[in-house]
Amino acid sequence: MKCRKCSLILLIVIFFFVSGSYCAFGAMNLNVVGELTQQFTLAPGARIRGEIRIENQGDEAGDVKIYLADYLHYSDGRNLFTKPGTVERSNTPWFSLSPSQSIIQPKEILKVEYTISVPADPKLRGTYWSLIMIEPVPKALLTPPPASKEEATMQVVTVIRHAVQMITNIGKDGEAKIVFKDRQLVKEEGRRVLKLDLENTGEKFLVPHVWAELFDAKGQSTGQIDGSNSRIYPGCSARFEMDLSKLAPGSYKAVVVADNGDENVFGANYTLDLK
């Protein structure tokens, strides 16, 4: 089992109308104990059990629900959270979770047990994934204020939910493939930044680190320019950035490398005109 720390916390704002003036502030403060990404390498037909621990660090008891969701992300900033089983490589059909809802007392830790049962299908290849969502249930939704005929106001309830990414790799099989889709050379806050959009068109989950080496008109190397790194699920894309502010204006040949830290290394060549 391999775990990588990755925080995925979502803010939900719920609007609904109530009669009369009403304001509610929850005193439950949820925290996921341990890693927010769990990664397993399993064979078809294998089964594994584990648990997610949720701590109420607040001073009041609260209700929390736990459920599965599918997840996609794109280089334009979109993050899609969809019904379980709607994404082609969703592993939600392999899961069982218990409990699905519970009350957590102050300073208490709730243990959510899960089982992953991989189908005995020899055609399974690559990476399958989903999210375990941990979401507090606002008291305002459970016990709305008493009705009043005098006035109607809108209440805003803010809910912060956590997501634990659950990644299942089927053995070491599956194609690793990245496509360099788009590039932009922009100026932001006085910096010259190269932005690259990479898409994972393969079957395996990748975490590439992107860097570049630029050569000036005389063929002299400017040295390695470090960039960003990001995870990319199959069928998803991510944006990577490199700061080129220290380079003098001019025309450069750029060799860009996306290194996954293993045998999977990808590259592209560009001509960049820095102004």
C-alpha atoms as a PDB file:
ATOM      1  CA  MET A   1       0.000   0.000   0.000  1.00  0.00           C
ATOM      2  CA  LYS A   2       1.272   3.459  -0.883  1.00  0.00           C
ATOM      3  CA  CYS A   3      -0.189   6.690   0.441  1.00  0.00           C
ATOM      4  CA  ARG A   4       0.382  10.216  -0.827  1.00  0.00           C
ATOM      5  CA  LYS A   5      -0.782  13.244   1.130  1.00  0.00           C
ATOM      6  CA  CYS A   6      -3.166  15.384  -0.874  1.00  0.00           C
ATOM      7  CA  SER A   7      -5.753  17.738   0.516  1.00  0.00           C
ATOM      8  CA  LEU A   8      -9.074  18.021  -1.226  1.00  0.00           C
ATOM      9  CA  ILE A   9     -11.433  20.162   0.830  1.00  0.00           C
ATOM     10  CA  LEU A  10     -14.627  21.500  -0.661  1.00  0.00           C
ATOM     11  CA  LEU A  11     -16.694  24.482   0.347  1.00  0.00           C
ATOM     12  CA  ILE A  12     -20.443  24.261  -0.151  1.00  0.00           C
ATOM     13  CA  VAL A  13     -22.777  27.195   0.302  1.00  0.00           C
ATOM     14  CA  ILE A  14     -26.421  26.245   0.740  1.00  0.00           C
ATOM     15  CA  PHE A  15     -29.147  28.821   0.165  1.00  0.00           C
ATOM     16  CA  PHE A  16     -32.680  28.359   1.379  1.00  0.00           C
ATOM     17  CA  PHE A  17     -35.519  30.591   2.470  1.00  0.00           C
ATOM     18  CA  VAL A  18     -36.826  30.690   6.004  1.00  0.00           C
ATOM     19  CA  SER A  19     -39.454  32.752   7.733  1.00  0.00           C
ATOM     20  CA  GLY A  20     -38.142  35.296  10.211  1.00  0.00           C
ATOM     21  CA  SER A  21     -34.580  36.220  11.030  1.00  0.00           C
ATOM     22  CA  TYR A  22     -32.327  33.304  11.779  1.00  0.00           C
ATOM     23  CA  CYS A  23     -28.620  32.665  11.959  1.00  0.00           C
ATOM     24  CA  ALA A  24     -26.775  29.471  12.825  1.00  0.00           C
ATOM     25  CA  PHE A  25     -23.105  28.761  13.433  1.00  0.00           C
ATOM     26  CA  GLY A  26     -21.980  25.152  13.730  1.00  0.00           C
ATOM     27  CA  ALA A  27     -19.543  24.292  16.497  1.00  0.00           C
ATOM     28  CA  MET A  28     -18.555  20.905  15.034  1.00  0.00           C
ATOM     29  CA  ASN A  29     -15.082  20.932  13.491  1.00  0.00           C
ATOM     30  CA  LEU A  30     -14.299  17.834  11.437  1.00  0.00           C
ATOM     31  CA  ASN A  31     -10.823  16.617  10.619  1.00  0.00           C
ATOM     32  CA  VAL A  32      -9.719  13.527   8.710  1.00  0.00           C
ATOM     33  CA  VAL A  33      -6.972  11.811  10.689  1.00  0.00           C
ATOM     34  CA  GLY A  34      -4.098  10.634   8.491  1.00  0.00           C
ATOM     35  CA  GLU A  35      -3.660  10.635   4.742  1.00  0.00           C
ATOM     36  CA  LEU A  36      -6.220  12.223   2.415  1.00  0.00           C
ATOM     37  CA  THR A  37      -5.141   9.926  -0.408  1.00  0.00           C
ATOM     38  CA  GLN A  38      -5.074   6.145  -0.146  1.00  0.00           C
ATOM     39  CA  GLN A  39      -3.525   4.171  -2.980  1.00  0.00           C
ATOM     40  CA  PHE A  40      -3.578   0.391  -3.413  1.00  0.00           C
ATOM     41  CA  THR A  41      -2.132  -2.021  -5.950  1.00  0.00           C
ATOM     42  CA  LEU A  42      -4.453  -5.015  -6.254  1.00  0.00           C
ATOM     43  CA  ALA A  43      -4.999  -7.924  -8.599  1.00  0.00           C
ATOM     44  CA  PRO A  44      -8.363  -8.807 -10.181  1.00  0.00           C
ATOM     45  CA  GLY A  45     -10.433 -10.712  -7.623  1.00  0.00           C
ATOM     46  CA  ALA A  46      -8.531  -9.271  -4.638  1.00  0.00           C
ATOM     47  CA  ARG A  47     -10.181  -7.770  -1.567  1.00  0.00           C
ATOM     48  CA  ILE A  48      -8.859  -5.321   0.994  1.00  0.00           C
ATOM     49  CA  ARG A  49     -10.286  -3.694   4.111  1.00  0.00           C
ATOM     50  CA  GLY A  50      -9.418  -0.396   5.704  1.00  0.00           C
ATOM     51  CA  GLU A  51     -10.775   2.528   7.660  1.00  0.00           C
ATOM     52  CA  ILE A  52     -11.063   6.300   7.564  1.00  0.00           C
ATOM     53  CA  ARG A  53     -10.904   8.078  10.922  1.00  0.00           C
ATOM     54  CA  ILE A  54     -12.864  11.293  11.370  1.00  0.00           C
ATOM     55  CA  GLU A  55     -12.321  13.462  14.432  1.00  0.00           C
ATOM     56  CA  ASN A  56     -14.713  16.067  15.805  1.00  0.00           C
ATOM     57  CA  GLN A  57     -12.351  18.743  17.110  1.00  0.00           C
ATOM     58  CA  GLY A  58     -15.234  21.038  18.023  1.00  0.00           C
ATOM     59  CA  ASP A  59     -17.079  21.454  21.294  1.00  0.00           C
ATOM     60  CA  GLU A  60     -20.505  20.245  20.152  1.00  0.00           C
ATOM     61  CA  ALA A  61     -21.830  16.964  18.818  1.00  0.00           C
ATOM     62  CA  GLY A  62     -22.811  16.883  15.189  1.00  0.00           C
ATOM     63  CA  ASP A  63     -24.233  14.712  12.446  1.00  0.00           C
ATOM     64  CA  VAL A  64     -21.998  13.669   9.545  1.00  0.00           C
ATOM     65  CA  LYS A  65     -22.717  11.687   6.403  1.00  0.00           C
ATOM     66  CA  ILE A  66     -20.232   9.588   4.466  1.00  0.00           C
ATOM     67  CA  TYR A  67     -20.732   8.690   0.821  1.00  0.00           C
ATOM     68  CA  LEU A  68     -18.930   7.901  -2.433  1.00  0.00           C
ATOM     69  CA  ALA A  69     -18.549  10.190  -5.435  1.00  0.00           C
ATOM     70  CA  ASP A  70     -16.752  10.150  -8.772  1.00  0.00           C
ATOM     71  CA  TYR A  71     -14.216  12.833  -9.576  1.00  0.00           C
ATOM     72  CA  LEU A  72     -12.758  14.457 -12.703  1.00  0.00           C
ATOM     73  CA  HIS A  73     -10.436  17.453 -13.001  1.00  0.00           C
ATOM     74  CA  TYR A  74      -9.312  19.605 -15.918  1.00  0.00           C
ATOM     75  CA  SER A  75      -6.594  22.121 -16.718  1.00  0.00           C
ATOM     76  CA  ASP A  76      -9.117  24.976 -17.027  1.00  0.00           C
ATOM     77  CA  GLY A  77      -9.816  24.690 -13.300  1.00  0.00           C
ATOM     78  CA  ARG A  78     -12.950  22.563 -13.441  1.00  0.00           C
ATOM     79  CA  ASN A  79     -13.424  19.907 -10.766  1.00  0.00           C
ATOM     80  CA  LEU A  80     -16.427  17.663 -11.347  1.00  0.00           C
ATOM     81  CA  PHE A  81     -17.975  15.627  -8.550  1.00  0.00           C
ATOM     82  CA  THR A  82     -20.513  13.227 -10.017  1.00  0.00           C
ATOM     83  CA  LYS A  83     -22.698  10.337  -8.948  1.00  0.00           C
ATOM     84  CA  PRO A  84     -20.811   7.133  -8.134  1.00  0.00           C
ATOM     85  CA  GLY A  85     -20.322   4.850 -11.114  1.00  0.00           C
ATOM     86  CA  THR A  86     -20.734   7.531 -13.804  1.00  0.00           C
ATOM     87  CA  VAL A  87     -17.024   7.853 -14.636  1.00  0.00           C
ATOM     88  CA  GLU A  88     -15.638   5.086 -16.845  1.00  0.00           C
ATOM     89  CA  ARG A  89     -12.805   4.255 -14.446  1.00  0.00           C
ATOM     90  CA  SER A  90     -14.807   4.607 -11.246  1.00  0.00           C
ATOM     91  CA  ASN A  91     -14.058   2.049  -8.547  1.00  0.00           C
ATOM     92  CA  THR A  92     -17.180   2.918  -6.533  1.00  0.00           C
ATOM     93  CA  PRO A  93     -18.977  -0.323  -7.525  1.00  0.00           C
ATOM     94  CA  TRP A  94     -16.204  -2.179  -5.685  1.00  0.00           C
ATOM     95  CA  PHE A  95     -16.807  -0.385  -2.373  1.00  0.00           C
ATOM     96  CA  SER A  96     -18.839  -0.974   0.733  1.00  0.00           C
ATOM     97  CA  LEU A  97     -18.881   1.698   3.483  1.00  0.00           C
ATOM     98  CA  SER A  98     -20.097   1.631   7.065  1.00  0.00           C
ATOM     99  CA  PRO A  99     -21.543   3.733   8.581  1.00  0.00           C
ATOM    100  CA  SER A 100     -23.070   6.042   5.988  1.00  0.00           C
ATOM    101  CA  GLN A 101     -24.201   8.550   8.637  1.00  0.00           C
ATOM    102  CA  SER A 102     -23.424   9.027  12.307  1.00  0.00           C
ATOM    103  CA  ILE A 103     -23.370  11.494  15.181  1.00  0.00           C
ATOM    104  CA  ILE A 104     -19.874  12.398  16.405  1.00  0.00           C
ATOM    105  CA  GLN A 105     -19.489  13.630  19.956  1.00  0.00           C
ATOM    106  CA  PRO A 106     -16.965  16.388  20.825  1.00  0.00           C
ATOM    107  CA  LYS A 107     -13.330  15.156  20.669  1.00  0.00           C
ATOM    108  CA  GLU A 108     -14.583  11.762  19.477  1.00  0.00           C
ATOM    109  CA  ILE A 109     -13.083   9.831  16.538  1.00  0.00           C
ATOM    110  CA  LEU A 110     -15.466   8.019  14.210  1.00  0.00           C
ATOM    111  CA  LYS A 111     -14.079   4.996  12.370  1.00  0.00           C
ATOM    112  CA  VAL A 112     -15.550   4.490   8.903  1.00  0.00           C
ATOM    113  CA  GLU A 113     -14.796   0.997   7.652  1.00  0.00           C
ATOM    114  CA  TYR A 114     -14.582   0.196   3.961  1.00  0.00           C
ATOM    115  CA  THR A 115     -14.043  -2.874   1.832  1.00  0.00           C
ATOM    116  CA  ILE A 116     -12.741  -2.852  -1.738  1.00  0.00           C
ATOM    117  CA  SER A 117     -13.596  -5.980  -3.720  1.00  0.00           C
ATOM    118  CA  VAL A 118     -12.013  -5.944  -7.171  1.00  0.00           C
ATOM    119  CA  PRO A 119     -13.968  -7.947  -9.769  1.00  0.00           C
ATOM    120  CA  ALA A 120     -12.236 -11.076 -11.042  1.00  0.00           C
ATOM    121  CA  ASP A 121     -12.036  -9.622 -14.531  1.00  0.00           C
ATOM    122  CA  PRO A 122      -8.733 -10.208 -16.384  1.00  0.00           C
ATOM    123  CA  LYS A 123      -9.549  -7.263 -18.681  1.00  0.00           C
ATOM    124  CA  LEU A 124      -9.068  -4.742 -15.860  1.00  0.00           C
ATOM    125  CA  ARG A 125      -5.996  -2.563 -16.474  1.00  0.00           C
ATOM    126  CA  GLY A 126      -4.543   0.621 -15.108  1.00  0.00           C
ATOM    127  CA  THR A 127      -6.004   2.944 -12.468  1.00  0.00           C
ATOM    128  CA  TYR A 128      -9.532   3.216 -11.052  1.00  0.00           C
ATOM    129  CA  TRP A 129     -10.484   5.851  -8.489  1.00  0.00           C
ATOM    130  CA  SER A 130     -13.196   7.670  -6.543  1.00  0.00           C
ATOM    131  CA  LEU A 131     -13.720   9.857  -3.484  1.00  0.00           C
ATOM    132  CA  ILE A 132     -15.015   9.116  -0.011  1.00  0.00           C
ATOM    133  CA  MET A 133     -16.883  12.286   0.942  1.00  0.00           C
ATOM    134  CA  ILE A 134     -17.193  13.375   4.578  1.00  0.00           C
ATOM    135  CA  GLU A 135     -19.844  16.041   4.958  1.00  0.00           C
ATOM    136  CA  PRO A 136     -21.313  17.582   8.122  1.00  0.00           C
ATOM    137  CA  VAL A 137     -25.083  17.961   8.207  1.00  0.00           C
ATOM    138  CA  PRO A 138     -25.880  21.530   9.343  1.00  0.00           C
ATOM    139  CA  LYS A 139     -28.255  21.773  12.281  1.00  0.00           C
ATOM    140  CA  ALA A 140     -30.138  24.430  10.341  1.00  0.00           C
ATOM    141  CA  LEU A 141     -31.167  21.762   7.849  1.00  0.00           C
ATOM    142  CA  LEU A 142     -32.146  19.287  10.531  1.00  0.00           C
ATOM    143  CA  THR A 143     -34.076  21.744  12.733  1.00  0.00           C
ATOM    144  CA  PRO A 144     -35.157  24.786  10.720  1.00  0.00           C
ATOM    145  CA  PRO A 145     -36.375  27.830  12.685  1.00  0.00           C
ATOM    146  CA  PRO A 146     -40.067  28.230  13.535  1.00  0.00           C
ATOM    147  CA  ALA A 147     -42.222  29.767  10.836  1.00  0.00           C
ATOM    148  CA  SER A 148     -43.171  33.411  11.046  1.00  0.00           C
ATOM    149  CA  LYS A 149     -45.665  35.351   8.971  1.00  0.00           C
ATOM    150  CA  GLU A 150     -43.967  38.682   9.570  1.00  0.00           C
ATOM    151  CA  GLU A 151     -41.066  38.450   7.167  1.00  0.00           C
ATOM    152  CA  ALA A 152     -39.116  36.045   5.024  1.00  0.00           C
ATOM    153  CA  THR A 153     -35.331  36.100   4.828  1.00  0.00           C
ATOM    154  CA  MET A 154     -32.731  33.998   3.101  1.00  0.00           C
ATOM    155  CA  GLN A 155     -30.337  31.960   5.176  1.00  0.00           C
ATOM    156  CA  VAL A 156     -26.852  31.041   4.010  1.00  0.00           C
ATOM    157  CA  VAL A 157     -25.295  27.892   5.466  1.00  0.00           C
ATOM    158  CA  THR A 158     -21.629  27.201   4.744  1.00  0.00           C
ATOM    159  CA  VAL A 159     -20.574  23.569   4.749  1.00  0.00           C
ATOM    160  CA  ILE A 160     -16.968  22.422   4.492  1.00  0.00           C
ATOM    161  CA  ARG A 161     -16.638  18.827   3.378  1.00  0.00           C
ATOM    162  CA  HIS A 162     -13.545  16.670   3.076  1.00  0.00           C
ATOM    163  CA  ALA A 163     -12.727  14.185   0.336  1.00  0.00           C
ATOM    164  CA  VAL A 164     -10.415  11.196   0.637  1.00  0.00           C
ATOM    165  CA  GLN A 165      -9.091  10.090  -2.746  1.00  0.00           C
ATOM    166  CA  MET A 166      -9.232   6.307  -3.129  1.00  0.00           C
ATOM    167  CA  ILE A 167      -6.958   5.001  -5.892  1.00  0.00           C
ATOM    168  CA  THR A 168      -6.852   1.383  -7.041  1.00  0.00           C
ATOM    169  CA  ASN A 169      -4.096   0.275  -9.430  1.00  0.00           C
ATOM    170  CA  ILE A 170      -4.588  -3.098 -11.087  1.00  0.00           C
ATOM    171  CA  GLY A 171      -1.151  -4.671 -10.857  1.00  0.00           C
ATOM    172  CA  LYS A 172       1.492  -2.923 -12.963  1.00  0.00           C
ATOM    173  CA  ASP A 173      -0.454  -3.208 -16.194  1.00  0.00           C
ATOM    174  CA  GLY A 174      -1.866  -0.271 -18.118  1.00  0.00           C
ATOM    175  CA  GLU A 175      -0.516   2.226 -20.618  1.00  0.00           C
ATOM    176  CA  ALA A 176       1.044   5.470 -19.387  1.00  0.00           C
ATOM    177  CA  LYS A 177       0.547   8.286 -21.873  1.00  0.00           C
ATOM    178  CA  ILE A 178       0.583  12.089 -21.722  1.00  0.00           C
ATOM    179  CA  VAL A 179      -0.337  14.581 -24.438  1.00  0.00           C
ATOM    180  CA  PHE A 180       0.969  18.166 -24.397  1.00  0.00           C
ATOM    181  CA  LYS A 181      -2.256  19.918 -25.364  1.00  0.00           C
ATOM    182  CA  ASP A 182      -1.758  23.648 -25.045  1.00  0.00           C
ATOM    183  CA  ARG A 183       0.788  26.278 -24.016  1.00  0.00           C
ATOM    184  CA  GLN A 184       0.562  29.930 -23.027  1.00  0.00           C
ATOM    185  CA  LEU A 185       3.289  32.473 -22.380  1.00  0.00           C
ATOM    186  CA  VAL A 186       1.772  35.149 -20.156  1.00  0.00           C
ATOM    187  CA  LYS A 187       2.769  37.965 -17.825  1.00  0.00           C
ATOM    188  CA  GLU A 188       1.331  37.773 -14.315  1.00  0.00           C
ATOM    189  CA  GLU A 189       2.178  40.134 -11.471  1.00  0.00           C
ATOM    190  CA  GLY A 190       5.383  41.195 -13.169  1.00  0.00           C
ATOM    191  CA  ARG A 191       6.431  37.619 -13.935  1.00  0.00           C
ATOM    192  CA  ARG A 192       6.778  35.892 -17.300  1.00  0.00           C
ATOM    193  CA  VAL A 193       5.140  32.479 -16.921  1.00  0.00           C
ATOM    194  CA  LEU A 194       4.955  29.514 -19.277  1.00  0.00           C
ATOM    195  CA  LYS A 195       1.739  27.555 -18.751  1.00  0.00           C
ATOM    196  CA  LEU A 196       1.390  24.061 -20.164  1.00  0.00           C
ATOM    197  CA  ASP A 197      -1.771  21.964 -20.274  1.00  0.00           C
ATOM    198  CA  LEU A 198      -1.118  18.218 -20.150  1.00  0.00           C
ATOM    199  CA  GLU A 199      -3.737  15.510 -20.617  1.00  0.00           C
ATOM    200  CA  ASN A 200      -3.503  11.935 -19.394  1.00  0.00           C
ATOM    201  CA  THR A 201      -4.708   9.869 -22.360  1.00  0.00           C
ATOM    202  CA  GLY A 202      -3.450   6.589 -20.951  1.00  0.00           C
ATOM    203  CA  GLU A 203      -4.772   4.083 -18.441  1.00  0.00           C
ATOM    204  CA  LYS A 204      -2.609   4.861 -15.411  1.00  0.00           C
ATOM    205  CA  PHE A 205      -2.655   7.573 -12.763  1.00  0.00           C
ATOM    206  CA  LEU A 206       0.394   9.832 -13.116  1.00  0.00           C
ATOM    207  CA  VAL A 207       2.085  12.488 -10.972  1.00  0.00           C
ATOM    208  CA  PRO A 208       4.512  14.182 -13.383  1.00  0.00           C
ATOM    209  CA  HIS A 209       7.004  16.860 -12.454  1.00  0.00           C
ATOM    210  CA  VAL A 210       7.432  19.315 -15.324  1.00  0.00           C
ATOM    211  CA  TRP A 211      10.705  21.127 -16.006  1.00  0.00           C
ATOM    212  CA  ALA A 212      12.411  22.667 -19.041  1.00  0.00           C
ATOM    213  CA  GLU A 213      15.791  23.443 -20.513  1.00  0.00           C
ATOM    214  CA  LEU A 214      15.995  26.449 -22.844  1.00  0.00           C
ATOM    215  CA  PHE A 215      18.665  27.183 -25.463  1.00  0.00           C
ATOM    216  CA  ASP A 216      19.341  30.674 -26.769  1.00  0.00           C
ATOM    217  CA  ALA A 217      20.094  31.713 -30.386  1.00  0.00           C
ATOM    218  CA  LYS A 218      23.729  30.579 -29.952  1.00  0.00           C
ATOM    219  CA  GLY A 219      22.663  27.165 -28.701  1.00  0.00           C
ATOM    220  CA  GLN A 220      23.768  27.899 -25.145  1.00  0.00           C
ATOM    221  CA  SER A 221      21.747  26.283 -22.396  1.00  0.00           C
ATOM    222  CA  THR A 222      20.179  28.515 -19.760  1.00  0.00           C
ATOM    223  CA  GLY A 223      20.121  25.587 -17.359  1.00  0.00           C
ATOM    224  CA  GLN A 224      17.224  23.592 -16.036  1.00  0.00           C
ATOM    225  CA  ILE A 225      14.144  25.606 -15.089  1.00  0.00           C
ATOM    226  CA  ASP A 226      12.074  23.892 -12.454  1.00  0.00           C
ATOM    227  CA  GLY A 227       8.312  23.829 -12.828  1.00  0.00           C
ATOM    228  CA  SER A 228       5.335  22.439 -10.963  1.00  0.00           C
ATOM    229  CA  ASN A 229       4.025  18.945 -10.396  1.00  0.00           C
ATOM    230  CA  SER A 230       0.464  17.669 -10.244  1.00  0.00           C
ATOM    231  CA  ARG A 231      -1.446  14.421 -10.311  1.00  0.00           C
ATOM    232  CA  ILE A 232      -3.456  13.556 -13.419  1.00  0.00           C
ATOM    233  CA  TYR A 233      -6.059  10.807 -13.549  1.00  0.00           C
ATOM    234  CA  PRO A 234      -6.756   9.035 -16.863  1.00  0.00           C
ATOM    235  CA  GLY A 235      -9.026  11.156 -19.047  1.00  0.00           C
ATOM    236  CA  CYS A 236      -8.199  14.267 -17.010  1.00  0.00           C
ATOM    237  CA  SER A 237      -5.810  17.176 -17.485  1.00  0.00           C
ATOM    238  CA  ALA A 238      -3.767  19.588 -15.395  1.00  0.00           C
ATOM    239  CA  ARG A 239      -1.949  22.887 -15.839  1.00  0.00           C
ATOM    240  CA  PHE A 240       1.765  23.203 -15.086  1.00  0.00           C
ATOM    241  CA  GLU A 241       3.684  26.468 -14.722  1.00  0.00           C
ATOM    242  CA  MET A 242       7.294  27.595 -15.101  1.00  0.00           C
ATOM    243  CA  ASP A 243       8.637  31.039 -14.223  1.00  0.00           C
ATOM    244  CA  LEU A 244      10.837  32.381 -17.046  1.00  0.00           C
ATOM    245  CA  SER A 245      11.228  35.871 -15.584  1.00  0.00           C
ATOM    246  CA  LYS A 246      14.999  35.604 -15.115  1.00  0.00           C
ATOM    247  CA  LEU A 247      15.684  34.966 -18.813  1.00  0.00           C
ATOM    248  CA  ALA A 248      16.703  37.800 -21.120  1.00  0.00           C
ATOM    249  CA  PRO A 249      14.360  38.701 -23.996  1.00  0.00           C
ATOM    250  CA  GLY A 250      14.949  36.739 -27.177  1.00  0.00           C
ATOM    251  CA  SER A 251      14.130  33.569 -29.070  1.00  0.00           C
ATOM    252  CA  TYR A 252      14.696  30.214 -27.366  1.00  0.00           C
ATOM    253  CA  LYS A 253      14.381  26.542 -28.174  1.00  0.00           C
ATOM    254  CA  ALA A 254      12.735  24.777 -25.252  1.00  0.00           C
ATOM    255  CA  VAL A 255      12.892  21.116 -24.331  1.00  0.00           C
ATOM    256  CA  VAL A 256      10.075  20.428 -21.860  1.00  0.00           C
ATOM    257  CA  VAL A 257      10.082  17.245 -19.796  1.00  0.00           C
ATOM    258  CA  ALA A 258       7.251  15.668 -17.772  1.00  0.00           C
ATOM    259  CA  ASP A 259       8.944  13.177 -15.446  1.00  0.00           C
ATOM    260  CA  ASN A 260       6.710  10.798 -13.510  1.00  0.00           C
ATOM    261  CA  GLY A 261       9.581   9.701 -11.271  1.00  0.00           C
ATOM    262  CA  ASP A 262       9.706   6.220 -12.766  1.00  0.00           C
ATOM    263  CA  GLU A 263      10.223   4.788 -16.236  1.00  0.00           C
ATOM    264  CA  ASN A 264       7.505   7.075 -17.614  1.00  0.00           C
ATOM    265  CA  VAL A 265       9.084  10.272 -18.967  1.00  0.00           C
ATOM    266  CA  PHE A 266       7.467  12.458 -21.640  1.00  0.00           C
ATOM    267  CA  GLY A 267       8.768  15.427 -23.606  1.00  0.00           C
ATOM    268  CA  ALA A 268       7.976  18.181 -26.092  1.00  0.00           C
ATOM    269  CA  ASN A 269       9.928  20.798 -28.055  1.00  0.00           C
ATOM    270  CA  TYR A 270       8.860  24.444 -28.402  1.00  0.00           C
ATOM    271  CA  THR A 271      10.136  27.712 -29.794  1.00  0.00           C
ATOM    272  CA  LEU A 272       9.545  30.569 -27.371  1.00  0.00           C
ATOM    273  CA  ASP A 273       9.855  34.288 -28.088  1.00  0.00           C
ATOM    274  CA  LEU A 274      10.403  36.101 -24.817  1.00  0.00           C
ATOM    275  CA  LYS A 275       9.662  39.817 -24.832  1.00  0.00           C
END
